[in-house]
Amino acid sequence: MCDGCFSESLTSLADAARTTLRRVMSHPVTAVVIGVGQRGENYSNFALDFPERLKVVAIAEPLQHRRERVGAWHSISKENLFEHWSSFDGRKKMADIAIICTQDKDHCEPAVLMASLGYHILLEKPMAVTEEDCRKITKACEDNKVMLAVCHVMRYFPPCVKIKEIIDSGDIGDVMTVNHTENVGYWHFAHSFVRGNWRNEAESTFSLMAKCCHDVDLIQYWLGERKAVSVQSVGSLQHFRKENKPAGATDRCLSCPVSPSCPYSAKKIYLSNPVRRWPMSVVCDIEEDPRKYPAALEETLKTSRYGQCVYECDNDVCDTQMVNMMFEGGAIANLTMTAFTSKICERFTRITGSLGELSWEGSEYGPIKVHNFRTGEVKHVQPDLVAPECRTRGHGGADFFLVDSLIKAISAKDPSLIKSGPQQSLSSHLLVFRAEQSRLQNLKL
């Protein structure tokens, strides 16, 4: 199929999907949102594009400007805008779903509370930052018979869904190996894991959990939820250390003479296109006037950690890590997480089987290259799931399909429609914890 025909086909599929969605619901599923940072805002936006399917009725958010801004978008009355999620305790149940997008270490308490109050849960990944808390959340949801959808969006990403279909079809036979690389991206890692919220394990969690619990979970999904029987991992913080600071560099990027030659300069990352969208909106999200935003952003960089030299931060999480896993039946998988790539969050995958192999270079449009050993044929397969144009279309449409699956599951009273339920998510989280334990043991020759 030519590029133009493929593009037209995608547009037609997206239009058809939108039309079908609007026919399905007789009344919207309702939601409260706990945490309206980037991810909470993103998932709640589903209600703005599909008001007949989802309605946000309350928000809990500690930052007043965020709480009021998102509340206004959803026409939420002031009495239903709360500073803290504990305000839901003791109140009559207000909605069907609680969308929980607090910081990672703050997931457990609101998730357990809202499950006990009878809310179905949409929970940003990772579930939690300790094994004990992951088990608590799973138990709370199962004991209270509420649905849990963890935001493992890669299970809903159209090319990853297509890869699962190819494996399940038997086209490449029994899976032998999975080689999977998470290309975090050099400036993205500097933003999120050196300067940002996930830079320090004591404040958040280790980087394999924060960034690659997606990928460990994806490998388990592709392998049919097989249990891992062994795991080994190595990794370290290689580069973003004080001893690697260039000669003559200062502690703040805006006044640094080395800035023009530094790939991690805050000037390059944030001020080359100073508009209020990610990642700039993480640095400064208060100024609403687009004409004034560049000045507000630059002023924030003068004092915030986002304007700090990457070699002078309090970061301690790995910038490079590999995980080797063996699963029941003998299949083995390797996951590589690296900060040092030009690609940003694009995965490279190669899966070998007894009858063929497939490869994919991370694009949401494919192609997935499938080589059949029996015939010698090489096919280029395109994903055929297409999300409609909407605000909740991040991760190549995966965000849309995630929220869509939970709404459908609640409407149909069928939790099997959720691909990232409690047991699948707990299993992959436990494997991430075991991988990190292996890294910390640091077995040496």
Protein backbone atom coordinates (compact mmCIF):
# COMPACT_ATOMS: atom_id res chain seq x y z
CA MET A 1 0.00 0.00 0.00
CA CYS A 2 1.38 3.46 -0.91
CA ASP A 3 2.02 6.01 1.84
CA GLY A 4 -0.88 8.19 0.69
CA CYS A 5 -3.32 5.27 0.56
CA PHE A 6 -2.16 4.07 3.98
CA SER A 7 -2.67 7.56 5.42
CA GLU A 8 -6.17 7.79 3.92
CA SER A 9 -6.98 4.33 5.30
CA LEU A 10 -5.88 5.39 8.80
CA THR A 11 -8.04 8.52 8.60
CA SER A 12 -11.07 6.49 7.52
CA LEU A 13 -10.55 4.00 10.33
CA ALA A 14 -10.22 6.80 12.88
CA ASP A 15 -13.42 8.48 11.64
CA ALA A 16 -15.27 5.16 11.80
CA ALA A 17 -13.99 4.55 15.32
CA ARG A 18 -15.22 7.96 16.48
CA THR A 19 -18.68 7.38 14.96
CA THR A 20 -18.95 3.95 16.61
CA LEU A 21 -17.88 5.33 19.98
CA ARG A 22 -20.61 7.93 19.93
CA ARG A 23 -23.27 5.27 19.41
CA VAL A 24 -22.22 2.92 22.19
CA MET A 25 -23.09 4.74 25.44
CA SER A 26 -26.57 5.55 26.73
CA HIS A 27 -25.08 7.61 29.57
CA PRO A 28 -21.49 8.50 30.48
CA VAL A 29 -19.31 6.72 32.99
CA THR A 30 -18.36 9.20 35.72
CA ALA A 31 -14.91 9.83 37.22
CA VAL A 32 -13.06 11.67 39.94
CA VAL A 33 -9.45 12.59 39.20
CA ILE A 34 -6.77 12.51 41.89
CA GLY A 35 -3.76 14.48 40.65
CA VAL A 36 -4.13 16.67 37.55
CA GLY A 37 -0.52 17.01 36.49
CA GLN A 38 0.44 15.99 32.98
CA ARG A 39 -0.97 12.45 33.14
CA GLY A 40 -4.11 13.24 35.13
CA GLU A 41 -4.92 16.10 32.78
CA ASN A 42 -4.31 13.81 29.82
CA TYR A 43 -6.67 11.04 30.92
CA SER A 44 -9.37 13.47 32.05
CA ASN A 45 -9.28 15.10 28.61
CA PHE A 46 -11.06 11.99 27.30
CA ALA A 47 -14.22 13.49 28.81
CA LEU A 48 -13.79 16.71 26.82
CA ASP A 49 -13.68 14.87 23.50
CA PHE A 50 -16.22 12.17 24.37
CA PRO A 51 -18.63 13.74 26.90
CA GLU A 52 -21.26 11.12 26.13
CA ARG A 53 -18.86 8.41 27.35
CA LEU A 54 -17.00 9.97 30.32
CA LYS A 55 -17.84 12.82 32.70
CA VAL A 56 -15.39 14.18 35.30
CA VAL A 57 -17.34 15.23 38.41
CA ALA A 58 -14.63 15.99 41.01
CA ILE A 59 -10.90 16.72 41.28
CA ALA A 60 -8.37 16.40 44.09
CA GLU A 61 -5.16 18.33 43.42
CA PRO A 62 -2.89 20.19 45.88
CA LEU A 63 -1.89 22.95 43.43
CA GLN A 64 -4.68 25.50 43.28
CA HIS A 65 -4.01 26.78 39.76
CA ARG A 66 -4.11 23.26 38.32
CA ARG A 67 -7.19 22.32 40.33
CA GLU A 68 -9.12 25.38 39.21
CA ARG A 69 -7.93 25.28 35.59
CA VAL A 70 -8.89 21.64 34.97
CA GLY A 71 -12.05 22.04 37.05
CA ALA A 72 -13.14 24.89 34.79
CA TRP A 73 -12.61 22.78 31.68
CA HIS A 74 -15.00 20.19 33.09
CA SER A 75 -17.48 22.69 34.59
CA ILE A 76 -16.99 21.24 38.07
CA SER A 77 -18.56 23.15 40.92
CA LYS A 78 -16.23 24.63 43.53
CA GLU A 79 -17.46 22.29 46.28
CA ASN A 80 -16.19 19.33 44.25
CA LEU A 81 -12.66 20.71 43.88
CA PHE A 82 -10.54 19.29 46.70
CA GLU A 83 -7.01 19.98 47.80
CA HIS A 84 -6.42 16.40 48.99
CA TRP A 85 -7.75 12.98 48.05
CA SER A 86 -8.62 12.22 51.69
CA SER A 87 -11.64 14.51 51.18
CA PHE A 88 -13.37 11.59 49.44
CA ASP A 89 -13.22 9.54 52.65
CA GLY A 90 -16.55 9.56 54.48
CA ARG A 91 -18.43 11.00 51.51
CA LYS A 92 -21.08 9.24 49.50
CA LYS A 93 -19.56 7.65 46.42
CA MET A 94 -19.44 10.35 43.74
CA ALA A 95 -18.48 8.46 40.57
CA ASP A 96 -17.76 5.13 38.89
CA ILE A 97 -13.99 5.58 38.46
CA ALA A 98 -11.13 7.11 40.41
CA ILE A 99 -8.32 8.18 38.06
CA ILE A 100 -5.19 8.25 40.24
CA CYS A 101 -2.20 10.16 38.88
CA THR A 102 -0.32 11.28 41.97
CA GLN A 103 3.45 10.90 42.20
CA ASP A 104 4.56 7.26 42.12
CA LYS A 105 5.32 6.95 45.83
CA ASP A 106 1.87 8.37 46.65
CA HIS A 107 -0.24 5.82 44.77
CA CYS A 108 -0.99 3.27 47.46
CA GLU A 109 -3.05 5.15 50.02
CA PRO A 110 -5.53 6.80 47.62
CA ALA A 111 -5.85 3.58 45.57
CA VAL A 112 -6.64 1.47 48.64
CA LEU A 113 -9.08 4.08 49.97
CA MET A 114 -10.95 4.55 46.69
CA ALA A 115 -11.19 0.80 46.14
CA SER A 116 -12.67 0.42 49.64
CA LEU A 117 -15.27 3.07 48.72
CA GLY A 118 -16.30 1.07 45.65
CA TYR A 119 -14.57 3.04 42.90
CA HIS A 120 -13.07 1.27 39.92
CA ILE A 121 -9.45 2.40 39.55
CA LEU A 122 -7.40 3.78 36.67
CA LEU A 123 -3.90 3.90 38.16
CA GLU A 124 -0.88 5.53 36.56
CA LYS A 125 2.15 3.27 36.34
CA PRO A 126 4.04 2.15 38.28
CA MET A 127 1.42 0.74 40.64
CA ALA A 128 3.62 1.70 43.59
CA VAL A 129 7.30 1.86 44.51
CA THR A 130 7.40 -1.06 46.97
CA GLU A 131 6.38 -4.66 46.59
CA GLU A 132 4.25 -4.40 49.74
CA ASP A 133 2.26 -1.47 48.35
CA CYS A 134 1.72 -3.20 44.99
CA ARG A 135 0.27 -6.19 46.83
CA LYS A 136 -1.91 -3.91 48.99
CA ILE A 137 -3.43 -2.24 45.94
CA THR A 138 -4.08 -5.56 44.22
CA LYS A 139 -5.70 -7.02 47.34
CA ALA A 140 -7.85 -3.92 47.92
CA CYS A 141 -9.24 -4.03 44.39
CA GLU A 142 -9.89 -7.77 44.46
CA ASP A 143 -11.39 -7.77 47.98
CA ASN A 144 -13.75 -4.91 47.09
CA LYS A 145 -14.59 -6.41 43.69
CA VAL A 146 -13.65 -3.29 41.75
CA MET A 147 -11.83 -3.20 38.44
CA LEU A 148 -8.23 -2.02 38.24
CA ALA A 149 -6.59 -0.81 35.05
CA VAL A 150 -2.91 0.03 35.48
CA CYS A 151 -1.63 2.47 32.86
CA HIS A 152 0.67 0.02 31.11
CA VAL A 153 -0.07 1.81 27.87
CA MET A 154 2.29 -0.32 25.77
CA ARG A 155 -0.27 -3.17 25.95
CA TYR A 156 -2.67 -0.83 24.14
CA PHE A 157 -0.16 0.64 21.64
CA PRO A 158 -1.34 -0.46 18.14
CA PRO A 159 2.00 -1.88 16.88
CA CYS A 160 2.51 -3.79 20.14
CA VAL A 161 -1.02 -5.21 19.85
CA LYS A 162 -0.22 -6.28 16.28
CA ILE A 163 3.04 -7.95 17.40
CA LYS A 164 1.02 -9.91 19.98
CA GLU A 165 -1.39 -10.99 17.22
CA ILE A 166 1.50 -12.16 15.02
CA ILE A 167 3.02 -14.20 17.86
CA ASP A 168 -0.35 -15.74 18.77
CA SER A 169 -1.04 -16.63 15.13
CA GLY A 170 1.95 -18.99 15.11
CA ASP A 171 3.53 -17.27 12.10
CA ILE A 172 6.98 -17.26 13.73
CA GLY A 173 6.47 -20.51 15.66
CA ASP A 174 7.51 -20.82 19.29
CA VAL A 175 9.20 -17.70 20.63
CA MET A 176 12.88 -18.30 21.33
CA THR A 177 14.27 -14.83 22.14
CA VAL A 178 13.08 -11.27 22.66
CA ASN A 179 15.58 -8.41 22.28
CA HIS A 180 13.96 -5.15 23.33
CA THR A 181 15.52 -1.72 23.76
CA GLU A 182 13.96 1.30 25.43
CA ASN A 183 15.58 4.37 23.87
CA VAL A 184 14.83 6.93 26.55
CA GLY A 185 16.50 9.79 24.67
CA TYR A 186 19.38 11.97 25.81
CA TRP A 187 17.44 15.17 26.57
CA HIS A 188 14.36 13.31 27.88
CA PHE A 189 16.52 11.46 30.39
CA ALA A 190 18.15 14.72 31.46
CA HIS A 191 14.72 16.30 31.90
CA SER A 192 12.95 13.52 33.79
CA PHE A 193 15.67 11.43 35.43
CA VAL A 194 18.47 13.91 36.13
CA ARG A 195 16.63 17.15 36.86
CA GLY A 196 13.05 15.91 37.16
CA ASN A 197 10.70 14.09 39.48
CA TRP A 198 12.26 10.67 38.87
CA ARG A 199 15.90 11.66 39.39
CA ASN A 200 16.32 10.39 42.94
CA GLU A 201 15.31 6.98 44.23
CA ALA A 202 14.48 8.21 47.75
CA GLU A 203 12.05 10.75 46.30
CA SER A 204 10.50 8.48 43.68
CA THR A 205 11.85 5.06 42.70
CA PHE A 206 14.65 3.40 40.70
CA SER A 207 14.72 4.17 36.98
CA LEU A 208 13.94 0.63 35.79
CA MET A 209 10.63 0.83 37.65
CA ALA A 210 9.87 4.42 36.69
CA LYS A 211 10.72 4.08 32.99
CA CYS A 212 10.77 0.40 32.06
CA CYS A 213 8.07 -1.33 34.09
CA HIS A 214 6.20 -0.67 30.80
CA ASP A 215 8.71 -2.77 28.91
CA VAL A 216 9.00 -5.69 31.32
CA ASP A 217 5.20 -5.81 31.34
CA LEU A 218 5.12 -5.66 27.54
CA ILE A 219 7.46 -8.65 27.23
CA GLN A 220 5.23 -10.66 29.58
CA TYR A 221 2.20 -9.63 27.53
CA TRP A 222 3.84 -10.76 24.29
CA LEU A 223 4.77 -14.09 25.89
CA GLY A 224 1.22 -14.81 26.99
CA GLU A 225 1.70 -13.93 30.69
CA ARG A 226 4.23 -16.73 31.12
CA LYS A 227 5.92 -16.76 34.49
CA ALA A 228 9.57 -15.70 34.62
CA VAL A 229 11.77 -18.40 36.15
CA SER A 230 15.04 -16.46 36.38
CA VAL A 231 16.27 -12.88 36.06
CA GLN A 232 19.65 -11.14 36.07
CA SER A 233 20.46 -7.46 35.72
CA VAL A 234 23.41 -5.08 35.53
CA GLY A 235 23.42 -1.30 35.32
CA SER A 236 24.69 1.93 36.85
CA LEU A 237 24.70 5.70 36.75
CA GLN A 238 27.50 6.05 34.20
CA HIS A 239 27.49 9.60 32.94
CA PHE A 240 25.50 12.16 34.91
CA ARG A 241 28.05 12.47 37.71
CA LYS A 242 30.05 15.38 39.12
CA GLU A 243 33.36 14.02 37.82
CA ASN A 244 32.05 14.28 34.23
CA LYS A 245 31.30 17.99 34.46
CA PRO A 246 33.10 19.82 31.61
CA ALA A 247 35.94 22.15 32.50
CA GLY A 248 34.71 25.71 32.88
CA ALA A 249 31.06 24.75 33.31
CA THR A 250 29.01 26.62 35.92
CA ASP A 251 26.28 25.27 38.16
CA ARG A 252 23.44 27.00 36.24
CA CYS A 253 22.85 26.58 32.51
CA LEU A 254 21.63 30.08 31.70
CA SER A 255 24.98 31.60 32.67
CA CYS A 256 27.21 28.70 31.59
CA PRO A 257 29.90 29.35 28.93
CA VAL A 258 29.88 25.65 28.02
CA SER A 259 26.15 25.71 27.22
CA PRO A 260 26.53 26.02 23.41
CA SER A 261 28.45 22.72 23.23
CA CYS A 262 26.49 20.84 25.92
CA PRO A 263 23.72 18.55 24.63
CA TYR A 264 21.99 18.66 28.01
CA SER A 265 21.85 22.46 28.34
CA ALA A 266 18.58 23.76 29.73
CA LYS A 267 18.78 26.53 27.14
CA LYS A 268 18.61 23.98 24.33
CA ILE A 269 15.98 21.74 25.92
CA TYR A 270 13.54 24.41 27.13
CA LEU A 271 14.23 27.75 25.46
CA SER A 272 14.71 26.70 21.83
CA ASN A 273 10.89 26.47 21.54
CA PRO A 274 9.44 28.16 24.64
CA VAL A 275 5.76 27.21 24.40
CA ARG A 276 3.56 25.82 27.14
CA ARG A 277 3.66 22.12 26.33
CA TRP A 278 5.71 19.17 27.58
CA PRO A 279 8.47 19.30 28.71
CA MET A 280 8.34 23.09 29.18
CA SER A 281 4.98 22.88 30.96
CA VAL A 282 6.60 20.72 33.65
CA VAL A 283 9.09 23.50 34.33
CA CYS A 284 6.54 26.33 34.27
CA ASP A 285 2.78 25.76 33.93
CA ILE A 286 1.34 28.89 35.54
CA GLU A 287 1.49 31.60 32.87
CA GLU A 288 -1.57 31.35 30.61
CA ASP A 289 -0.70 34.23 28.25
CA PRO A 290 1.37 32.67 25.40
CA ARG A 291 3.05 36.05 24.76
CA LYS A 292 4.37 36.16 28.32
CA TYR A 293 5.18 32.48 28.67
CA PRO A 294 8.78 32.56 27.29
CA ALA A 295 9.79 35.18 29.86
CA ALA A 296 8.09 33.27 32.69
CA LEU A 297 9.80 30.05 31.61
CA GLU A 298 13.24 31.67 31.48
CA GLU A 299 12.73 33.25 34.89
CA THR A 300 11.81 29.86 36.36
CA LEU A 301 14.96 28.30 34.91
CA LYS A 302 17.10 30.80 36.81
CA THR A 303 16.18 29.24 40.15
CA SER A 304 14.53 25.84 39.63
CA ARG A 305 16.35 22.52 39.37
CA TYR A 306 15.44 22.40 35.65
CA GLY A 307 18.02 25.12 35.04
CA GLN A 308 20.70 23.31 37.03
CA CYS A 309 23.77 21.69 35.48
CA VAL A 310 23.12 17.98 34.91
CA TYR A 311 26.46 17.21 36.56
CA GLU A 312 25.47 19.02 39.77
CA CYS A 313 22.05 17.49 40.48
CA ASP A 314 21.09 15.13 43.30
CA ASN A 315 20.24 12.35 40.83
CA ASP A 316 21.23 8.78 41.69
CA VAL A 317 19.21 6.52 39.35
CA CYS A 318 20.75 4.37 36.62
CA ASP A 319 21.16 5.89 33.17
CA THR A 320 22.04 2.50 31.67
CA GLN A 321 20.67 -0.94 32.57
CA MET A 322 20.20 -4.37 31.04
CA VAL A 323 17.88 -7.15 32.23
CA ASN A 324 18.04 -10.80 31.13
CA MET A 325 15.00 -13.00 31.80
CA MET A 326 14.04 -16.63 31.22
CA PHE A 327 10.39 -17.65 31.09
CA GLU A 328 8.51 -20.90 31.46
CA GLY A 329 9.02 -22.95 28.32
CA GLY A 330 12.56 -21.67 27.84
CA ALA A 331 12.04 -18.36 26.01
CA ILE A 332 14.64 -15.78 26.99
CA ALA A 333 14.39 -11.99 26.81
CA ASN A 334 16.82 -9.11 27.05
CA LEU A 335 15.75 -5.57 27.91
CA THR A 336 18.15 -2.66 27.46
CA MET A 337 17.38 0.75 28.91
CA THR A 338 19.65 3.54 27.73
CA ALA A 339 19.56 7.30 28.14
CA PHE A 340 21.96 7.91 25.30
CA THR A 341 19.88 7.86 22.13
CA SER A 342 18.57 10.37 19.62
CA LYS A 343 15.24 8.53 19.52
CA ILE A 344 12.87 9.56 22.30
CA CYS A 345 10.93 6.69 23.88
CA GLU A 346 10.93 4.66 20.67
CA ARG A 347 11.44 0.96 21.28
CA PHE A 348 13.52 -1.30 19.05
CA THR A 349 12.36 -4.93 19.12
CA ARG A 350 13.49 -8.19 17.53
CA ILE A 351 11.70 -11.45 18.35
CA THR A 352 12.97 -14.76 17.02
CA GLY A 353 10.88 -17.90 16.77
CA SER A 354 11.26 -21.48 15.61
CA LEU A 355 9.61 -20.67 12.27
CA GLY A 356 10.45 -17.02 11.72
CA GLU A 357 11.40 -13.70 13.18
CA LEU A 358 9.94 -10.21 13.46
CA SER A 359 11.43 -6.78 14.00
CA TRP A 360 10.02 -3.34 14.74
CA GLU A 361 11.76 0.01 15.08
CA GLY A 362 9.28 1.75 17.35
CA SER A 363 7.09 3.77 14.99
CA GLU A 364 3.38 3.88 15.76
CA TYR A 365 2.76 3.26 12.04
CA GLY A 366 5.08 0.28 11.77
CA PRO A 367 6.03 -1.49 9.76
CA ILE A 368 6.58 -4.74 11.61
CA LYS A 369 8.90 -6.84 9.45
CA VAL A 370 8.03 -10.57 9.55
CA HIS A 371 10.38 -13.13 7.96
CA ASN A 372 8.87 -16.61 7.39
CA PHE A 373 11.62 -19.25 7.50
CA ARG A 374 9.48 -21.87 5.73
CA THR A 375 8.69 -19.83 2.62
CA GLY A 376 11.42 -17.20 2.73
CA GLU A 377 8.69 -14.55 2.43
CA VAL A 378 9.24 -11.20 4.14
CA LYS A 379 6.11 -9.22 4.97
CA HIS A 380 5.81 -5.64 6.19
CA VAL A 381 2.79 -5.56 8.47
CA GLN A 382 1.05 -2.33 9.49
CA PRO A 383 -0.91 -1.90 12.73
CA ASP A 384 -4.64 -1.72 12.03
CA LEU A 385 -5.86 -0.14 15.28
CA VAL A 386 -6.28 3.61 14.88
CA ALA A 387 -7.37 5.99 17.61
CA PRO A 388 -9.65 8.86 16.64
CA GLU A 389 -8.22 12.36 16.68
CA CYS A 390 -8.57 13.51 20.28
CA ARG A 391 -6.61 15.03 23.14
CA THR A 392 -6.08 11.66 24.86
CA ARG A 393 -4.05 10.30 21.97
CA GLY A 394 -0.63 10.17 23.56
CA HIS A 395 1.71 7.20 23.13
CA GLY A 396 0.53 6.75 19.55
CA GLY A 397 -3.11 6.35 20.54
CA ALA A 398 -2.41 3.96 23.41
CA ASP A 399 -3.70 6.42 26.03
CA PHE A 400 -7.03 6.53 24.22
CA PHE A 401 -7.34 2.73 23.98
CA LEU A 402 -6.45 2.37 27.68
CA VAL A 403 -9.23 4.71 28.88
CA ASP A 404 -11.59 3.30 26.27
CA SER A 405 -11.04 -0.26 27.53
CA LEU A 406 -11.87 0.65 31.13
CA ILE A 407 -15.03 2.52 30.12
CA LYS A 408 -16.14 -0.45 28.01
CA ALA A 409 -15.33 -2.89 30.83
CA ILE A 410 -17.40 -0.91 33.33
CA SER A 411 -20.31 -0.50 30.91
CA ALA A 412 -20.29 -4.22 30.08
CA LYS A 413 -19.40 -5.32 33.64
CA ASP A 414 -16.60 -7.33 32.03
CA PRO A 415 -13.10 -6.88 33.50
CA SER A 416 -11.62 -9.16 30.82
CA LEU A 417 -11.78 -6.16 28.47
CA ILE A 418 -8.91 -4.61 30.46
CA LYS A 419 -5.48 -5.80 29.30
CA SER A 420 -3.60 -4.44 32.32
CA GLY A 421 -5.59 -5.77 35.27
CA PRO A 422 -4.40 -6.44 38.82
CA GLN A 423 -2.74 -9.85 38.45
CA GLN A 424 -0.97 -9.11 35.17
CA SER A 425 0.32 -5.81 36.55
CA LEU A 426 1.37 -7.24 39.89
CA SER A 427 3.28 -10.05 38.17
CA SER A 428 5.30 -7.71 35.94
CA HIS A 429 5.99 -5.30 38.82
CA LEU A 430 7.34 -8.16 40.94
CA LEU A 431 9.66 -9.10 38.08
CA VAL A 432 10.97 -5.50 37.96
CA PHE A 433 11.65 -5.62 41.71
CA ARG A 434 13.54 -8.92 41.25
CA ALA A 435 15.59 -7.45 38.42
CA GLU A 436 16.62 -4.49 40.55
CA GLN A 437 17.50 -6.82 43.43
CA SER A 438 19.78 -8.69 41.02
CA ARG A 439 21.47 -5.44 39.95
CA LEU A 440 22.06 -4.40 43.54
CA GLN A 441 23.65 -7.76 44.39
CA ASN A 442 26.32 -6.78 41.84
CA LEU A 443 27.83 -10.21 41.40
CA LYS A 444 31.41 -9.79 40.18
CA LEU A 445 33.85 -12.14 38.47
